[in-house]
PDB file of N, CA and C in Angstrom:
ATOM      1  N   MET A   1      90.342 125.644 106.958  1.00  0.00           N
ATOM      2  CA  MET A   1      90.455 124.789 105.654  1.00  0.00           C
ATOM      3  C   MET A   1      88.986 124.439 105.366  1.00  0.00           C
ATOM      4  N   ALA A   2      88.574 124.622 104.134  1.00  0.00           N
ATOM      5  CA  ALA A   2      87.217 124.428 103.680  1.00  0.00           C
ATOM      6  C   ALA A   2      86.670 123.050 103.955  1.00  0.00           C
ATOM      7  N   ASN A   3      87.457 121.967 103.694  1.00  0.00           N
ATOM      8  CA  ASN A   3      86.974 120.616 103.875  1.00  0.00           C
ATOM      9  C   ASN A   3      87.432 120.000 105.231  1.00  0.00           C
ATOM     10  N   ALA A   4      88.191 120.694 106.037  1.00  0.00           N
ATOM     11  CA  ALA A   4      88.623 120.291 107.288  1.00  0.00           C
ATOM     12  C   ALA A   4      89.290 118.927 107.348  1.00  0.00           C
ATOM     13  N   MET A   5      89.884 118.520 106.302  1.00  0.00           N
ATOM     14  CA  MET A   5      90.639 117.203 106.378  1.00  0.00           C
ATOM     15  C   MET A   5      91.963 117.471 107.013  1.00  0.00           C
ATOM     16  N   PRO A   6      92.340 116.538 107.932  1.00  0.00           N
ATOM     17  CA  PRO A   6      93.619 116.739 108.604  1.00  0.00           C
ATOM     18  C   PRO A   6      94.805 116.605 107.621  1.00  0.00           C
ATOM     19  N   VAL A   7      95.786 117.460 107.606  1.00  0.00           N
ATOM     20  CA  VAL A   7      96.928 117.343 106.801  1.00  0.00           C
ATOM     21  C   VAL A   7      98.124 117.175 107.648  1.00  0.00           C
ATOM     22  N   VAL A   8      98.921 116.113 107.384  1.00  0.00           N
ATOM     23  CA  VAL A   8     100.132 115.867 108.111  1.00  0.00           C
ATOM     24  C   VAL A   8     101.379 115.870 107.117  1.00  0.00           C
ATOM     25  N   VAL A   9     102.372 116.570 107.509  1.00  0.00           N
ATOM     26  CA  VAL A   9     103.677 116.664 106.760  1.00  0.00           C
ATOM     27  C   VAL A   9     104.647 115.964 107.725  1.00  0.00           C
ATOM     28  N   TYR A  10     105.105 114.767 107.254  1.00  0.00           N
ATOM     29  CA  TYR A  10     106.021 113.939 108.085  1.00  0.00           C
ATOM     30  C   TYR A  10     107.450 114.446 108.067  1.00  0.00           C
ATOM     31  N   PRO A  11     108.223 113.950 108.992  1.00  0.00           N
ATOM     32  CA  PRO A  11     109.641 114.335 109.132  1.00  0.00           C
ATOM     33  C   PRO A  11     110.388 114.089 107.759  1.00  0.00           C
ATOM     34  N   PRO A  12     111.474 114.842 107.567  1.00  0.00           N
ATOM     35  CA  PRO A  12     112.239 114.619 106.355  1.00  0.00           C
ATOM     36  C   PRO A  12     112.903 113.234 106.311  1.00  0.00           C
ATOM     37  N   ALA A  13     112.818 112.616 105.029  1.00  0.00           N
ATOM     38  CA  ALA A  13     113.559 111.427 104.809  1.00  0.00           C
ATOM     39  C   ALA A  13     114.969 111.755 104.596  1.00  0.00           C
ATOM     40  N   GLU A  14     115.799 110.786 104.338  1.00  0.00           N
ATOM     41  CA  GLU A  14     117.254 110.987 104.025  1.00  0.00           C
ATOM     42  C   GLU A  14     117.502 111.886 102.851  1.00  0.00           C
ATOM     43  N   ASP A  15     116.595 111.909 101.843  1.00  0.00           N
ATOM     44  CA  ASP A  15     116.799 112.776 100.652  1.00  0.00           C
ATOM     45  C   ASP A  15     116.168 114.251 100.871  1.00  0.00           C
ATOM     46  N   GLY A  16     115.593 114.445 102.022  1.00  0.00           N
ATOM     47  CA  GLY A  16     115.067 115.762 102.331  1.00  0.00           C
ATOM     48  C   GLY A  16     113.587 115.833 102.008  1.00  0.00           C
ATOM     49  N   GLY A  17     113.023 114.826 101.354  1.00  0.00           N
ATOM     50  CA  GLY A  17     111.575 114.860 100.980  1.00  0.00           C
ATOM     51  C   GLY A  17     110.744 114.529 102.278  1.00  0.00           C
ATOM     52  N   ARG A  18     109.543 115.055 102.260  1.00  0.00           N
ATOM     53  CA  ARG A  18     108.552 114.900 103.388  1.00  0.00           C
ATOM     54  C   ARG A  18     107.250 114.304 102.815  1.00  0.00           C
ATOM     55  N   ARG A  19     106.807 113.142 103.399  1.00  0.00           N
ATOM     56  CA  ARG A  19     105.563 112.632 102.964  1.00  0.00           C
ATOM     57  C   ARG A  19     104.438 113.573 103.459  1.00  0.00           C
ATOM     58  N   VAL A  20     103.450 113.675 102.541  1.00  0.00           N
ATOM     59  CA  VAL A  20     102.282 114.508 102.842  1.00  0.00           C
ATOM     60  C   VAL A  20     101.057 113.690 102.711  1.00  0.00           C
ATOM     61  N   ARG A  21     100.234 113.828 103.745  1.00  0.00           N
ATOM     62  CA  ARG A  21      98.943 113.031 103.816  1.00  0.00           C
ATOM     63  C   ARG A  21      97.846 113.989 104.150  1.00  0.00           C
ATOM     64  N   ALA A  22      96.696 113.775 103.486  1.00  0.00           N
ATOM     65  CA  ALA A  22      95.456 114.492 103.831  1.00  0.00           C
ATOM     66  C   ALA A  22      94.422 113.471 104.067  1.00  0.00           C
ATOM     67  N   GLY A  23      93.965 113.451 105.370  1.00  0.00           N
ATOM     68  CA  GLY A  23      92.991 112.426 105.738  1.00  0.00           C
ATOM     69  C   GLY A  23      93.695 111.099 105.676  1.00  0.00           C
ATOM     70  N   ASN A  24      93.031 110.170 104.951  1.00  0.00           N
ATOM     71  CA  ASN A  24      93.699 108.902 104.790  1.00  0.00           C
ATOM     72  C   ASN A  24      94.398 108.708 103.471  1.00  0.00           C
ATOM     73  N   GLN A  25      94.548 109.814 102.706  1.00  0.00           N
ATOM     74  CA  GLN A  25      95.160 109.765 101.396  1.00  0.00           C
ATOM     75  C   GLN A  25      96.590 110.322 101.401  1.00  0.00           C
ATOM     76  N   PHE A  26      97.561 109.449 100.875  1.00  0.00           N
ATOM     77  CA  PHE A  26      98.844 109.938 100.656  1.00  0.00           C
ATOM     78  C   PHE A  26      98.865 110.817  99.445  1.00  0.00           C
ATOM     79  N   LEU A  27      99.438 112.104  99.585  1.00  0.00           N
ATOM     80  CA  LEU A  27      99.398 112.995  98.481  1.00  0.00           C
ATOM     81  C   LEU A  27     100.653 113.034  97.734  1.00  0.00           C
ATOM     82  N   GLY A  28     101.836 112.699  98.361  1.00  0.00           N
ATOM     83  CA  GLY A  28     103.005 112.705  97.597  1.00  0.00           C
ATOM     84  C   GLY A  28     104.265 112.974  98.532  1.00  0.00           C
ATOM     85  N   MET A  29     105.405 113.097  97.877  1.00  0.00           N
ATOM     86  CA  MET A  29     106.621 113.529  98.575  1.00  0.00           C
ATOM     87  C   MET A  29     106.955 114.899  98.309  1.00  0.00           C
ATOM     88  N   ALA A  30     107.021 115.771  99.267  1.00  0.00           N
ATOM     89  CA  ALA A  30     107.269 117.194  99.029  1.00  0.00           C
ATOM     90  C   ALA A  30     108.738 117.501  99.336  1.00  0.00           C
ATOM     91  N   TYR A  31     109.350 118.348  98.510  1.00  0.00           N
ATOM     92  CA  TYR A  31     110.706 118.794  98.754  1.00  0.00           C
ATOM     93  C   TYR A  31     110.795 120.288  98.973  1.00  0.00           C
ATOM     94  N   GLY A  32     109.614 120.844  99.231  1.00  0.00           N
ATOM     95  CA  GLY A  32     109.544 122.267  99.630  1.00  0.00           C
ATOM     96  C   GLY A  32     108.113 122.661  99.754  1.00  0.00           C
ATOM     97  N   LEU A  33     107.867 123.884 100.159  1.00  0.00           N
ATOM     98  CA  LEU A  33     106.557 124.420 100.419  1.00  0.00           C
ATOM     99  C   LEU A  33     105.692 124.380  99.133  1.00  0.00           C
ATOM    100  N   LEU A  34     106.294 124.719  97.966  1.00  0.00           N
ATOM    101  CA  LEU A  34     105.560 124.785  96.690  1.00  0.00           C
ATOM    102  C   LEU A  34     104.928 123.406  96.464  1.00  0.00           C
ATOM    103  N   ASP A  35     105.648 122.275  96.770  1.00  0.00           N
ATOM    104  CA  ASP A  35     105.130 120.943  96.589  1.00  0.00           C
ATOM    105  C   ASP A  35     103.966 120.725  97.388  1.00  0.00           C
ATOM    106  N   VAL A  36     103.990 121.102  98.680  1.00  0.00           N
ATOM    107  CA  VAL A  36     102.882 120.890  99.588  1.00  0.00           C
ATOM    108  C   VAL A  36     101.685 121.668  99.133  1.00  0.00           C
ATOM    109  N   ALA A  37     101.925 122.910  98.729  1.00  0.00           N
ATOM    110  CA  ALA A  37     100.825 123.769  98.176  1.00  0.00           C
ATOM    111  C   ALA A  37     100.194 123.092  96.931  1.00  0.00           C
ATOM    112  N   GLU A  38     100.964 122.536  96.029  1.00  0.00           N
ATOM    113  CA  GLU A  38     100.458 121.854  94.785  1.00  0.00           C
ATOM    114  C   GLU A  38      99.606 120.684  95.256  1.00  0.00           C
ATOM    115  N   PHE A  39     100.153 119.852  96.138  1.00  0.00           N
ATOM    116  CA  PHE A  39      99.361 118.666  96.513  1.00  0.00           C
ATOM    117  C   PHE A  39      97.960 119.095  97.114  1.00  0.00           C
ATOM    118  N   LEU A  40      98.023 120.162  97.872  1.00  0.00           N
ATOM    119  CA  LEU A  40      96.716 120.590  98.530  1.00  0.00           C
ATOM    120  C   LEU A  40      95.767 121.143  97.434  1.00  0.00           C
ATOM    121  N   ARG A  41      96.300 121.808  96.403  1.00  0.00           N
ATOM    122  CA  ARG A  41      95.506 122.277  95.281  1.00  0.00           C
ATOM    123  C   ARG A  41      94.833 121.097  94.555  1.00  0.00           C
ATOM    124  N   LEU A  42      95.698 120.092  94.332  1.00  0.00           N
ATOM    125  CA  LEU A  42      95.208 118.897  93.633  1.00  0.00           C
ATOM    126  C   LEU A  42      94.219 118.119  94.524  1.00  0.00           C
ATOM    127  N   ALA A  43      94.232 118.257  95.818  1.00  0.00           N
ATOM    128  CA  ALA A  43      93.310 117.607  96.675  1.00  0.00           C
ATOM    129  C   ALA A  43      91.997 118.426  96.780  1.00  0.00           C
ATOM    130  N   GLY A  44      91.974 119.694  96.153  1.00  0.00           N
ATOM    131  CA  GLY A  44      90.698 120.478  96.116  1.00  0.00           C
ATOM    132  C   GLY A  44      90.744 121.784  96.747  1.00  0.00           C
ATOM    133  N   LEU A  45      91.856 122.184  97.354  1.00  0.00           N
ATOM    134  CA  LEU A  45      91.936 123.542  98.023  1.00  0.00           C
ATOM    135  C   LEU A  45      92.502 124.542  97.041  1.00  0.00           C
ATOM    136  N   GLU A  46      91.571 125.374  96.542  1.00  0.00           N
ATOM    137  CA  GLU A  46      91.924 126.270  95.478  1.00  0.00           C
ATOM    138  C   GLU A  46      92.607 127.552  96.086  1.00  0.00           C
ATOM    139  N   GLY A  47      93.382 128.188  95.239  1.00  0.00           N
ATOM    140  CA  GLY A  47      94.038 129.347  95.636  1.00  0.00           C
ATOM    141  C   GLY A  47      95.005 129.398  96.691  1.00  0.00           C
ATOM    142  N   ILE A  48      95.593 128.181  96.975  1.00  0.00           N
ATOM    143  CA  ILE A  48      96.589 128.124  98.035  1.00  0.00           C
ATOM    144  C   ILE A  48      98.009 128.303  97.494  1.00  0.00           C
ATOM    145  N   ASP A  49      98.913 128.955  98.209  1.00  0.00           N
ATOM    146  CA  ASP A  49     100.235 129.040  97.758  1.00  0.00           C
ATOM    147  C   ASP A  49     101.262 128.648  98.877  1.00  0.00           C
ATOM    148  N   ASP A  50     102.560 128.723  98.681  1.00  0.00           N
ATOM    149  CA  ASP A  50     103.485 128.300  99.675  1.00  0.00           C
ATOM    150  C   ASP A  50     103.462 129.152 100.902  1.00  0.00           C
ATOM    151  N   LEU A  51     103.113 130.475 100.825  1.00  0.00           N
ATOM    152  CA  LEU A  51     103.065 131.287 102.040  1.00  0.00           C
ATOM    153  C   LEU A  51     101.852 130.872 102.898  1.00  0.00           C
ATOM    154  N   ASP A  52     100.796 130.470 102.180  1.00  0.00           N
ATOM    155  CA  ASP A  52      99.537 130.014 102.898  1.00  0.00           C
ATOM    156  C   ASP A  52      99.936 128.716 103.625  1.00  0.00           C
ATOM    157  N   VAL A  53     100.642 127.812 103.020  1.00  0.00           N
ATOM    158  CA  VAL A  53     100.986 126.559 103.565  1.00  0.00           C
ATOM    159  C   VAL A  53     101.773 126.767 104.834  1.00  0.00           C
ATOM    160  N   ALA A  54     102.784 127.598 104.860  1.00  0.00           N
ATOM    161  CA  ALA A  54     103.709 127.908 105.954  1.00  0.00           C
ATOM    162  C   ALA A  54     102.943 128.329 107.178  1.00  0.00           C
ATOM    163  N   GLY A  55     101.824 129.065 106.969  1.00  0.00           N
ATOM    164  CA  GLY A  55     101.056 129.640 108.113  1.00  0.00           C
ATOM    165  C   GLY A  55      99.770 128.913 108.478  1.00  0.00           C
ATOM    166  N   MET A  56      99.459 127.765 107.843  1.00  0.00           N
ATOM    167  CA  MET A  56      98.206 127.117 108.114  1.00  0.00           C
ATOM    168  C   MET A  56      98.175 126.316 109.359  1.00  0.00           C
ATOM    169  N   PRO A  57      97.408 126.752 110.288  1.00  0.00           N
ATOM    170  CA  PRO A  57      97.384 125.949 111.628  1.00  0.00           C
ATOM    171  C   PRO A  57      96.749 124.491 111.434  1.00  0.00           C
ATOM    172  N   GLU A  58      96.075 124.301 110.341  1.00  0.00           N
ATOM    173  CA  GLU A  58      95.474 123.017 110.037  1.00  0.00           C
ATOM    174  C   GLU A  58      96.480 121.928 109.673  1.00  0.00           C
ATOM    175  N   ILE A  59      97.695 122.384 109.306  1.00  0.00           N
ATOM    176  CA  ILE A  59      98.794 121.444 108.946  1.00  0.00           C
ATOM    177  C   ILE A  59      99.541 121.055 110.098  1.00  0.00           C
ATOM    178  N   GLU A  60      99.633 119.693 110.348  1.00  0.00           N
ATOM    179  CA  GLU A  60     100.465 119.211 111.482  1.00  0.00           C
ATOM    180  C   GLU A  60     101.937 118.940 110.858  1.00  0.00           C
ATOM    181  N   TRP A  61     102.829 119.557 111.335  1.00  0.00           N
ATOM    182  CA  TRP A  61     104.279 119.479 110.822  1.00  0.00           C
ATOM    183  C   TRP A  61     105.007 118.547 111.821  1.00  0.00           C
ATOM    184  N   ARG A  62     105.282 117.308 111.423  1.00  0.00           N
ATOM    185  CA  ARG A  62     106.038 116.491 112.270  1.00  0.00           C
ATOM    186  C   ARG A  62     107.535 116.446 112.008  1.00  0.00           C
ATOM    187  N   GLY A  63     108.394 116.468 113.001  1.00  0.00           N
ATOM    188  CA  GLY A  63     109.816 116.477 112.730  1.00  0.00           C
ATOM    189  C   GLY A  63     110.309 117.815 112.315  1.00  0.00           C
ATOM    190  N   GLY A  64     109.653 118.875 112.648  1.00  0.00           N
ATOM    191  CA  GLY A  64     110.084 120.161 112.268  1.00  0.00           C
ATOM    192  C   GLY A  64     109.063 120.869 111.524  1.00  0.00           C
ATOM    193  N   GLY A  65     109.093 122.213 111.492  1.00  0.00           N
ATOM    194  CA  GLY A  65     108.089 123.080 110.872  1.00  0.00           C
ATOM    195  C   GLY A  65     108.310 123.262 109.380  1.00  0.00           C
ATOM    196  N   PRO A  66     107.634 124.175 108.802  1.00  0.00           N
ATOM    197  CA  PRO A  66     107.698 124.321 107.343  1.00  0.00           C
ATOM    198  C   PRO A  66     109.070 124.718 106.868  1.00  0.00           C
ATOM    199  N   GLU A  67     110.007 125.142 107.733  1.00  0.00           N
ATOM    200  CA  GLU A  67     111.308 125.609 107.269  1.00  0.00           C
ATOM    201  C   GLU A  67     112.302 124.335 107.282  1.00  0.00           C
ATOM    202  N   VAL A  68     111.861 123.200 107.699  1.00  0.00           N
ATOM    203  CA  VAL A  68     112.808 122.019 107.776  1.00  0.00           C
ATOM    204  C   VAL A  68     112.623 121.075 106.639  1.00  0.00           C
ATOM    205  N   TRP A  69     113.686 120.966 105.798  1.00  0.00           N
ATOM    206  CA  TRP A  69     113.603 119.966 104.705  1.00  0.00           C
ATOM    207  C   TRP A  69     114.814 119.136 104.560  1.00  0.00           C
ATOM    208  N   GLN A  70     115.664 119.178 105.587  1.00  0.00           N
ATOM    209  CA  GLN A  70     116.890 118.261 105.600  1.00  0.00           C
ATOM    210  C   GLN A  70     116.883 117.612 106.938  1.00  0.00           C
ATOM    211  N   ARG A  71     117.464 116.440 106.944  1.00  0.00           N
ATOM    212  CA  ARG A  71     117.684 115.628 108.222  1.00  0.00           C
ATOM    213  C   ARG A  71     118.794 116.200 109.066  1.00  0.00           C
TER     214      ARG A  71
END
């Protein structure tokens, strides 16, 4: 990742949304990989898509990997 900010996707909430944080900044609630990709684009990572997000070793997935969106 170009700017090497740590990205954390937290475990799913009751509604299936997962909090996304980059560094010390809360980016939003994601309800799928497209949301995570959009948050990262808005944070300055150009040209990223949902397939990139699923395979990025720089993302720490807590409470399940990129395929987990339900409790």
